[in-house]
C-alpha atoms as a PDB file:
ATOM      1  CA  MET A   1     126.995  89.687  76.310  1.00  0.00           C
ATOM      2  CA  LYS A   2     128.231  91.182  79.575  1.00  0.00           C
ATOM      3  CA  LYS A   3     128.263  94.985  79.601  1.00  0.00           C
ATOM      4  CA  LYS A   4     129.556  97.712  81.882  1.00  0.00           C
ATOM      5  CA  VAL A   5     126.475  99.727  82.747  1.00  0.00           C
ATOM      6  CA  ALA A   6     125.754 103.094  84.344  1.00  0.00           C
ATOM      7  CA  LEU A   7     122.322 102.943  85.980  1.00  0.00           C
ATOM      8  CA  SER A   8     119.996 105.940  86.173  1.00  0.00           C
ATOM      9  CA  TRP A   9     119.131 106.018  89.884  1.00  0.00           C
ATOM     10  CA  SER A  10     116.298 107.812  91.680  1.00  0.00           C
ATOM     11  CA  GLY A  11     116.507 105.901  94.947  1.00  0.00           C
ATOM     12  CA  GLY A  12     113.186 104.134  94.402  1.00  0.00           C
ATOM     13  CA  LYS A  13     111.938 100.640  93.704  1.00  0.00           C
ATOM     14  CA  ASP A  14     112.080 100.699  89.891  1.00  0.00           C
ATOM     15  CA  CYS A  15     115.768 101.533  89.617  1.00  0.00           C
ATOM     16  CA  CYS A  16     116.447  98.986  92.369  1.00  0.00           C
ATOM     17  CA  MET A  17     114.590  96.324  90.378  1.00  0.00           C
ATOM     18  CA  ALA A  18     116.591  97.327  87.309  1.00  0.00           C
ATOM     19  CA  LEU A  19     119.837  96.951  89.283  1.00  0.00           C
ATOM     20  CA  ASP A  20     118.799  93.504  90.482  1.00  0.00           C
ATOM     21  CA  ARG A  21     117.890  92.404  86.954  1.00  0.00           C
ATOM     22  CA  LEU A  22     121.135  93.716  85.457  1.00  0.00           C
ATOM     23  CA  VAL A  23     123.233  91.891  88.048  1.00  0.00           C
ATOM     24  CA  LYS A  24     121.304  88.658  87.551  1.00  0.00           C
ATOM     25  CA  GLU A  25     121.869  88.959  83.795  1.00  0.00           C
ATOM     26  CA  GLY A  26     125.612  89.134  84.403  1.00  0.00           C
ATOM     27  CA  HIS A  27     126.232  92.799  83.676  1.00  0.00           C
ATOM     28  CA  GLU A  28     128.594  94.931  85.742  1.00  0.00           C
ATOM     29  CA  VAL A  29     126.912  98.061  87.095  1.00  0.00           C
ATOM     30  CA  VAL A  30     129.754 100.569  87.345  1.00  0.00           C
ATOM     31  CA  CYS A  31     127.924 103.509  88.956  1.00  0.00           C
ATOM     32  CA  LEU A  32     124.581 104.978  89.953  1.00  0.00           C
ATOM     33  CA  LEU A  33     123.692 108.153  88.063  1.00  0.00           C
ATOM     34  CA  THR A  34     121.355 110.723  89.615  1.00  0.00           C
ATOM     35  CA  THR A  35     120.163 114.098  88.322  1.00  0.00           C
ATOM     36  CA  ILE A  36     119.879 117.034  90.719  1.00  0.00           C
ATOM     37  CA  PRO A  37     118.246 120.418  89.965  1.00  0.00           C
ATOM     38  CA  ALA A  38     120.844 123.100  90.590  1.00  0.00           C
ATOM     39  CA  GLU A  39     118.355 125.309  92.435  1.00  0.00           C
ATOM     40  CA  THR A  40     117.124 122.698  94.947  1.00  0.00           C
ATOM     41  CA  GLY A  41     119.916 120.207  95.533  1.00  0.00           C
ATOM     42  CA  ARG A  42     117.314 117.405  95.503  1.00  0.00           C
ATOM     43  CA  THR A  43     116.545 114.775  92.900  1.00  0.00           C
ATOM     44  CA  PHE A  44     114.132 115.372  90.043  1.00  0.00           C
ATOM     45  CA  GLY A  45     110.742 113.727  90.593  1.00  0.00           C
ATOM     46  CA  HIS A  46     111.307 112.210  94.021  1.00  0.00           C
ATOM     47  CA  GLY A  47     112.690 115.333  95.679  1.00  0.00           C
ATOM     48  CA  GLU A  48     115.262 113.169  97.447  1.00  0.00           C
ATOM     49  CA  LYS A  49     118.262 114.614  99.258  1.00  0.00           C
ATOM     50  CA  ALA A  50     121.574 113.894  97.564  1.00  0.00           C
ATOM     51  CA  GLN A  51     122.961 112.618 100.870  1.00  0.00           C
ATOM     52  CA  ARG A  52     120.307 109.900 101.026  1.00  0.00           C
ATOM     53  CA  ILE A  53     121.302 108.767  97.528  1.00  0.00           C
ATOM     54  CA  ARG A  54     124.939 108.629  98.676  1.00  0.00           C
ATOM     55  CA  GLU A  55     123.897 106.472 101.625  1.00  0.00           C
ATOM     56  CA  GLN A  56     122.150 104.019  99.306  1.00  0.00           C
ATOM     57  CA  ALA A  57     125.114 103.877  96.938  1.00  0.00           C
ATOM     58  CA  ASP A  58     127.505 103.252  99.810  1.00  0.00           C
ATOM     59  CA  ALA A  59     125.287 100.471 101.175  1.00  0.00           C
ATOM     60  CA  LEU A  60     125.269  98.903  97.695  1.00  0.00           C
ATOM     61  CA  GLY A  61     129.030  99.298  97.274  1.00  0.00           C
ATOM     62  CA  LEU A  62     128.663 101.402  94.124  1.00  0.00           C
ATOM     63  CA  PRO A  63     129.920 104.875  93.174  1.00  0.00           C
ATOM     64  CA  ALA A  64     127.315 107.652  93.091  1.00  0.00           C
ATOM     65  CA  GLU A  65     127.605 110.098  90.208  1.00  0.00           C
ATOM     66  CA  PHE A  66     125.495 113.268  90.097  1.00  0.00           C
ATOM     67  CA  ILE A  67     124.392 115.539  87.272  1.00  0.00           C
ATOM     68  CA  VAL A  68     123.630 119.002  88.632  1.00  0.00           C
ATOM     69  CA  THR A  69     121.528 120.627  85.946  1.00  0.00           C
ATOM     70  CA  SER A  70     118.353 122.518  85.027  1.00  0.00           C
ATOM     71  CA  TYR A  71     115.265 121.635  83.009  1.00  0.00           C
ATOM     72  CA  GLU A  72     116.623 123.725  80.123  1.00  0.00           C
ATOM     73  CA  ARG A  73     119.995 121.947  80.050  1.00  0.00           C
ATOM     74  CA  TYR A  74     118.837 118.526  81.224  1.00  0.00           C
ATOM     75  CA  THR A  75     119.483 116.585  78.022  1.00  0.00           C
ATOM     76  CA  LEU A  76     122.729 118.390  77.204  1.00  0.00           C
ATOM     77  CA  ASP A  77     124.172 117.865  80.674  1.00  0.00           C
ATOM     78  CA  PHE A  78     123.000 114.258  80.836  1.00  0.00           C
ATOM     79  CA  ALA A  79     124.701 113.416  77.546  1.00  0.00           C
ATOM     80  CA  GLU A  80     127.902 115.188  78.604  1.00  0.00           C
ATOM     81  CA  LYS A  81     128.004 113.269  81.892  1.00  0.00           C
ATOM     82  CA  LEU A  82     127.490 109.999  80.040  1.00  0.00           C
ATOM     83  CA  ARG A  83     130.488 110.789  77.850  1.00  0.00           C
ATOM     84  CA  VAL A  84     132.557 111.291  80.991  1.00  0.00           C
ATOM     85  CA  ILE A  85     131.288 108.032  82.500  1.00  0.00           C
ATOM     86  CA  ARG A  86     132.044 106.160  79.291  1.00  0.00           C
ATOM     87  CA  VAL A  87     135.693 107.168  79.648  1.00  0.00           C
ATOM     88  CA  LEU A  88     135.951 107.064  83.451  1.00  0.00           C
ATOM     89  CA  TYR A  89     134.351 103.653  83.942  1.00  0.00           C
ATOM     90  CA  GLY A  90     134.671 102.134  80.493  1.00  0.00           C
ATOM     91  CA  ALA A  91     130.885 101.973  80.304  1.00  0.00           C
ATOM     92  CA  ASP A  92     129.204 100.326  77.315  1.00  0.00           C
ATOM     93  CA  ALA A  93     125.625 101.193  78.218  1.00  0.00           C
ATOM     94  CA  VAL A  94     123.282 103.233  80.381  1.00  0.00           C
ATOM     95  CA  ALA A  95     120.223 101.580  81.922  1.00  0.00           C
ATOM     96  CA  PHE A  96     116.893 103.093  82.923  1.00  0.00           C
ATOM     97  CA  GLY A  97     114.125 101.774  85.174  1.00  0.00           C
ATOM     98  CA  ASP A  98     111.232 102.892  82.961  1.00  0.00           C
ATOM     99  CA  LEU A  99     108.475 100.341  82.594  1.00  0.00           C
ATOM    100  CA  TYR A 100     106.356 101.270  79.589  1.00  0.00           C
ATOM    101  CA  ASP A 101     106.523 105.025  78.909  1.00  0.00           C
ATOM    102  CA  GLU A 102     107.441 105.218  75.216  1.00  0.00           C
ATOM    103  CA  GLU A 103     108.285 108.935  75.380  1.00  0.00           C
ATOM    104  CA  HIS A 104     110.742 108.402  78.216  1.00  0.00           C
ATOM    105  CA  ARG A 105     112.302 105.492  76.372  1.00  0.00           C
ATOM    106  CA  ALA A 106     112.750 107.521  73.203  1.00  0.00           C
ATOM    107  CA  TRP A 107     114.476 110.239  75.231  1.00  0.00           C
ATOM    108  CA  GLY A 108     116.774 107.747  76.953  1.00  0.00           C
ATOM    109  CA  GLU A 109     117.754 106.067  73.718  1.00  0.00           C
ATOM    110  CA  GLY A 110     118.456 109.450  72.163  1.00  0.00           C
ATOM    111  CA  VAL A 111     120.665 110.741  74.978  1.00  0.00           C
ATOM    112  CA  ALA A 112     122.545 107.429  75.129  1.00  0.00           C
ATOM    113  CA  ARG A 113     123.159 107.605  71.398  1.00  0.00           C
ATOM    114  CA  GLN A 114     124.610 111.107  71.785  1.00  0.00           C
ATOM    115  CA  ALA A 115     127.137 109.698  74.265  1.00  0.00           C
ATOM    116  CA  GLY A 116     127.990 106.639  72.186  1.00  0.00           C
ATOM    117  CA  LEU A 117     126.324 104.222  74.627  1.00  0.00           C
ATOM    118  CA  GLU A 118     123.631 101.575  74.351  1.00  0.00           C
ATOM    119  CA  ALA A 119     120.383 102.225  76.226  1.00  0.00           C
ATOM    120  CA  LEU A 120     119.068  99.316  78.294  1.00  0.00           C
ATOM    121  CA  TYR A 121     115.552  98.940  79.701  1.00  0.00           C
ATOM    122  CA  PRO A 122     115.708  95.754  81.791  1.00  0.00           C
ATOM    123  CA  LEU A 123     112.178  96.168  83.213  1.00  0.00           C
ATOM    124  CA  TRP A 124     110.331  97.020  79.986  1.00  0.00           C
ATOM    125  CA  MET A 125     106.883  95.445  80.016  1.00  0.00           C
ATOM    126  CA  ASP A 126     103.355  95.415  78.663  1.00  0.00           C
ATOM    127  CA  LYS A 127     101.359  98.036  80.553  1.00  0.00           C
ATOM    128  CA  GLY A 128      98.102  96.136  80.571  1.00  0.00           C
ATOM    129  CA  LYS A 129      99.379  92.674  81.397  1.00  0.00           C
ATOM    130  CA  GLN A 130     102.493  92.852  83.558  1.00  0.00           C
ATOM    131  CA  VAL A 131     102.297  95.828  85.922  1.00  0.00           C
ATOM    132  CA  LYS A 132     100.492  94.041  88.777  1.00  0.00           C
ATOM    133  CA  GLU A 133     102.906  91.140  88.529  1.00  0.00           C
ATOM    134  CA  ALA A 134     105.865  93.550  88.601  1.00  0.00           C
ATOM    135  CA  LEU A 135     104.728  95.046  91.895  1.00  0.00           C
ATOM    136  CA  LEU A 136     104.174  91.604  93.378  1.00  0.00           C
ATOM    137  CA  ARG A 137     107.684  90.586  92.314  1.00  0.00           C
ATOM    138  CA  PHE A 138     109.117  93.556  94.169  1.00  0.00           C
ATOM    139  CA  VAL A 139     106.999  92.898  97.266  1.00  0.00           C
ATOM    140  CA  THR A 140     108.303  89.306  97.414  1.00  0.00           C
ATOM    141  CA  SER A 141     111.884  90.077  96.311  1.00  0.00           C
ATOM    142  CA  GLY A 142     113.457  90.699  99.708  1.00  0.00           C
ATOM    143  CA  TYR A 143     113.972  94.407  99.022  1.00  0.00           C
ATOM    144  CA  ARG A 144     112.399  96.972 101.334  1.00  0.00           C
ATOM    145  CA  ALA A 145     110.977 100.294 100.169  1.00  0.00           C
ATOM    146  CA  PHE A 146     108.840 103.000 101.735  1.00  0.00           C
ATOM    147  CA  VAL A 147     106.483 105.550 100.184  1.00  0.00           C
ATOM    148  CA  ILE A 148     107.996 109.035 100.350  1.00  0.00           C
ATOM    149  CA  ARG A 149     105.741 110.991  97.981  1.00  0.00           C
ATOM    150  CA  VAL A 150     102.090 110.821  96.891  1.00  0.00           C
ATOM    151  CA  LYS A 151     100.127 112.748  94.285  1.00  0.00           C
ATOM    152  CA  ASP A 152      97.273 114.876  95.583  1.00  0.00           C
ATOM    153  CA  GLY A 153      93.864 113.563  94.640  1.00  0.00           C
ATOM    154  CA  VAL A 154      95.208 110.075  93.937  1.00  0.00           C
ATOM    155  CA  LEU A 155      96.571 108.726  97.217  1.00  0.00           C
ATOM    156  CA  PRO A 156      95.897 110.256 100.650  1.00  0.00           C
ATOM    157  CA  GLU A 157      98.559 111.463 103.066  1.00  0.00           C
ATOM    158  CA  HIS A 158      98.351 108.395 105.293  1.00  0.00           C
ATOM    159  CA  TRP A 159     100.007 106.356 102.519  1.00  0.00           C
ATOM    160  CA  LEU A 160     103.255 108.221 103.204  1.00  0.00           C
ATOM    161  CA  GLY A 161     105.695 106.041 105.102  1.00  0.00           C
ATOM    162  CA  ARG A 162     103.990 102.789 104.130  1.00  0.00           C
ATOM    163  CA  GLU A 163     106.236  99.861 103.339  1.00  0.00           C
ATOM    164  CA  LEU A 164     105.707  98.107 100.018  1.00  0.00           C
ATOM    165  CA  ASP A 165     104.533  94.812 101.439  1.00  0.00           C
ATOM    166  CA  ARG A 166     101.678  92.423 100.703  1.00  0.00           C
ATOM    167  CA  SER A 167      99.199  94.758 102.392  1.00  0.00           C
ATOM    168  CA  PHE A 168     100.362  97.631 100.204  1.00  0.00           C
ATOM    169  CA  TYR A 169      99.995  95.453  97.118  1.00  0.00           C
ATOM    170  CA  GLU A 170      96.435  94.497  97.970  1.00  0.00           C
ATOM    171  CA  ASP A 171      95.436  98.061  98.874  1.00  0.00           C
ATOM    172  CA  ILE A 172      96.930  99.780  95.814  1.00  0.00           C
ATOM    173  CA  LEU A 173      94.929  97.472  93.553  1.00  0.00           C
ATOM    174  CA  GLN A 174      91.754  98.917  95.080  1.00  0.00           C
ATOM    175  CA  THR A 175      92.662 102.466  93.982  1.00  0.00           C
ATOM    176  CA  GLU A 176      92.763 104.212  90.608  1.00  0.00           C
ATOM    177  CA  ALA A 177      96.555 104.502  90.818  1.00  0.00           C
ATOM    178  CA  ASP A 178      98.893 102.608  88.536  1.00  0.00           C
ATOM    179  CA  PRO A 179     100.111  99.756  90.778  1.00  0.00           C
ATOM    180  CA  MET A 180     103.743 100.661  90.071  1.00  0.00           C
ATOM    181  CA  GLY A 181     103.167 104.408  90.330  1.00  0.00           C
ATOM    182  CA  GLU A 182     104.528 104.879  86.824  1.00  0.00           C
ATOM    183  CA  ASN A 183     102.480 108.041  86.340  1.00  0.00           C
ATOM    184  CA  GLY A 184     103.830 109.650  89.494  1.00  0.00           C
ATOM    185  CA  GLU A 185     101.054 108.477  91.803  1.00  0.00           C
ATOM    186  CA  TYR A 186     103.680 107.619  94.397  1.00  0.00           C
ATOM    187  CA  HIS A 187     107.456 107.466  94.811  1.00  0.00           C
ATOM    188  CA  THR A 188     109.565 105.284  97.068  1.00  0.00           C
ATOM    189  CA  PHE A 189     112.914 105.000  98.839  1.00  0.00           C
ATOM    190  CA  VAL A 190     114.663 101.611  99.033  1.00  0.00           C
ATOM    191  CA  THR A 191     116.448 100.758 102.267  1.00  0.00           C
ATOM    192  CA  ASP A 192     117.551  97.126 102.106  1.00  0.00           C
ATOM    193  CA  GLY A 193     117.595  93.935 100.104  1.00  0.00           C
ATOM    194  CA  PRO A 194     119.709  91.160  98.593  1.00  0.00           C
ATOM    195  CA  LEU A 195     122.283  93.476  96.957  1.00  0.00           C
ATOM    196  CA  PHE A 196     122.662  95.767  99.984  1.00  0.00           C
ATOM    197  CA  ARG A 197     125.713  95.205 102.184  1.00  0.00           C
ATOM    198  CA  ARG A 198     123.751  96.803 105.028  1.00  0.00           C
ATOM    199  CA  SER A 199     120.411  98.477 105.486  1.00  0.00           C
ATOM    200  CA  VAL A 200     119.944 102.224 105.059  1.00  0.00           C
ATOM    201  CA  PRO A 201     118.176 103.651 108.141  1.00  0.00           C
ATOM    202  CA  PHE A 202     114.810 105.251 107.449  1.00  0.00           C
ATOM    203  CA  VAL A 203     113.513 107.657 110.081  1.00  0.00           C
ATOM    204  CA  PRO A 204     110.288 109.415 108.989  1.00  0.00           C
ATOM    205  CA  GLY A 205     110.065 113.159 109.523  1.00  0.00           C
ATOM    206  CA  PRO A 206     107.544 115.871 108.708  1.00  0.00           C
ATOM    207  CA  VAL A 207     105.226 115.907 105.702  1.00  0.00           C
ATOM    208  CA  VAL A 208     105.732 118.787 103.281  1.00  0.00           C
ATOM    209  CA  GLN A 209     102.982 119.991 100.943  1.00  0.00           C
ATOM    210  CA  MET A 210     104.305 120.620  97.439  1.00  0.00           C
ATOM    211  CA  GLU A 211     102.459 122.059  94.440  1.00  0.00           C
ATOM    212  CA  THR A 212     100.645 118.865  93.475  1.00  0.00           C
ATOM    213  CA  THR A 213     102.146 116.279  95.834  1.00  0.00           C
ATOM    214  CA  LYS A 214     102.947 115.612  99.470  1.00  0.00           C
ATOM    215  CA  ARG A 215     106.477 114.545 100.406  1.00  0.00           C
ATOM    216  CA  LEU A 216     107.629 112.708 103.514  1.00  0.00           C
ATOM    217  CA  GLU A 217     110.958 114.000 104.747  1.00  0.00           C
ATOM    218  CA  HIS A 218     113.206 111.291 106.176  1.00  0.00           C
ATOM    219  CA  GLU A 219     116.700 110.876 107.554  1.00  0.00           C
ATOM    220  CA  GLY A 220     119.166 108.154 108.367  1.00  0.00           C
ATOM    221  CA  ALA A 221     118.995 109.223 112.003  1.00  0.00           C
ATOM    222  CA  PHE A 222     117.843 112.144 114.102  1.00  0.00           C
END
């Protein structure tokens, strides 16, 4: 059954794969939904600038909706925003790009239930059997993504800026990292692909050392 879906959007490969799957299944994605810490103005997890998310949304022809919140109010504000989206867009469901994290799924299903929406997990898979295949599907999908963050002690700095191509696929399998980076080993930024009306420029900038990760700053142009 076709649904109107709000998609939780980080800017990376997993949410892009979820978008592609939802569209192929015949659903209408009505908006991209991104959470922003009030104190930083950047996305949770990826540390992405809100403007870069807007650029992606515009290239995809979709509205970008933001939840400016804090860790303490995260669930409350997320549920409240979903209620607004349900009315504003006539949404039936909210989708997440999680792959196999049961705790994350339980949270998503709970917050969706609070807003009167169905929670969808279009990429849900078996951790032990399907993760390598999932990365290979992305690499061969026609979408382009670049590494923008790596976890210290897991992947070295020179992985920053790498495109997720066949070489990346082969190299990541030789490390201890989850191939899809589901445990935060790396994060990505998607710039182009079948659903994009145009590519999003990706100009690498300086590397910033965070508490436990390194982040590659990037712009649309300098």
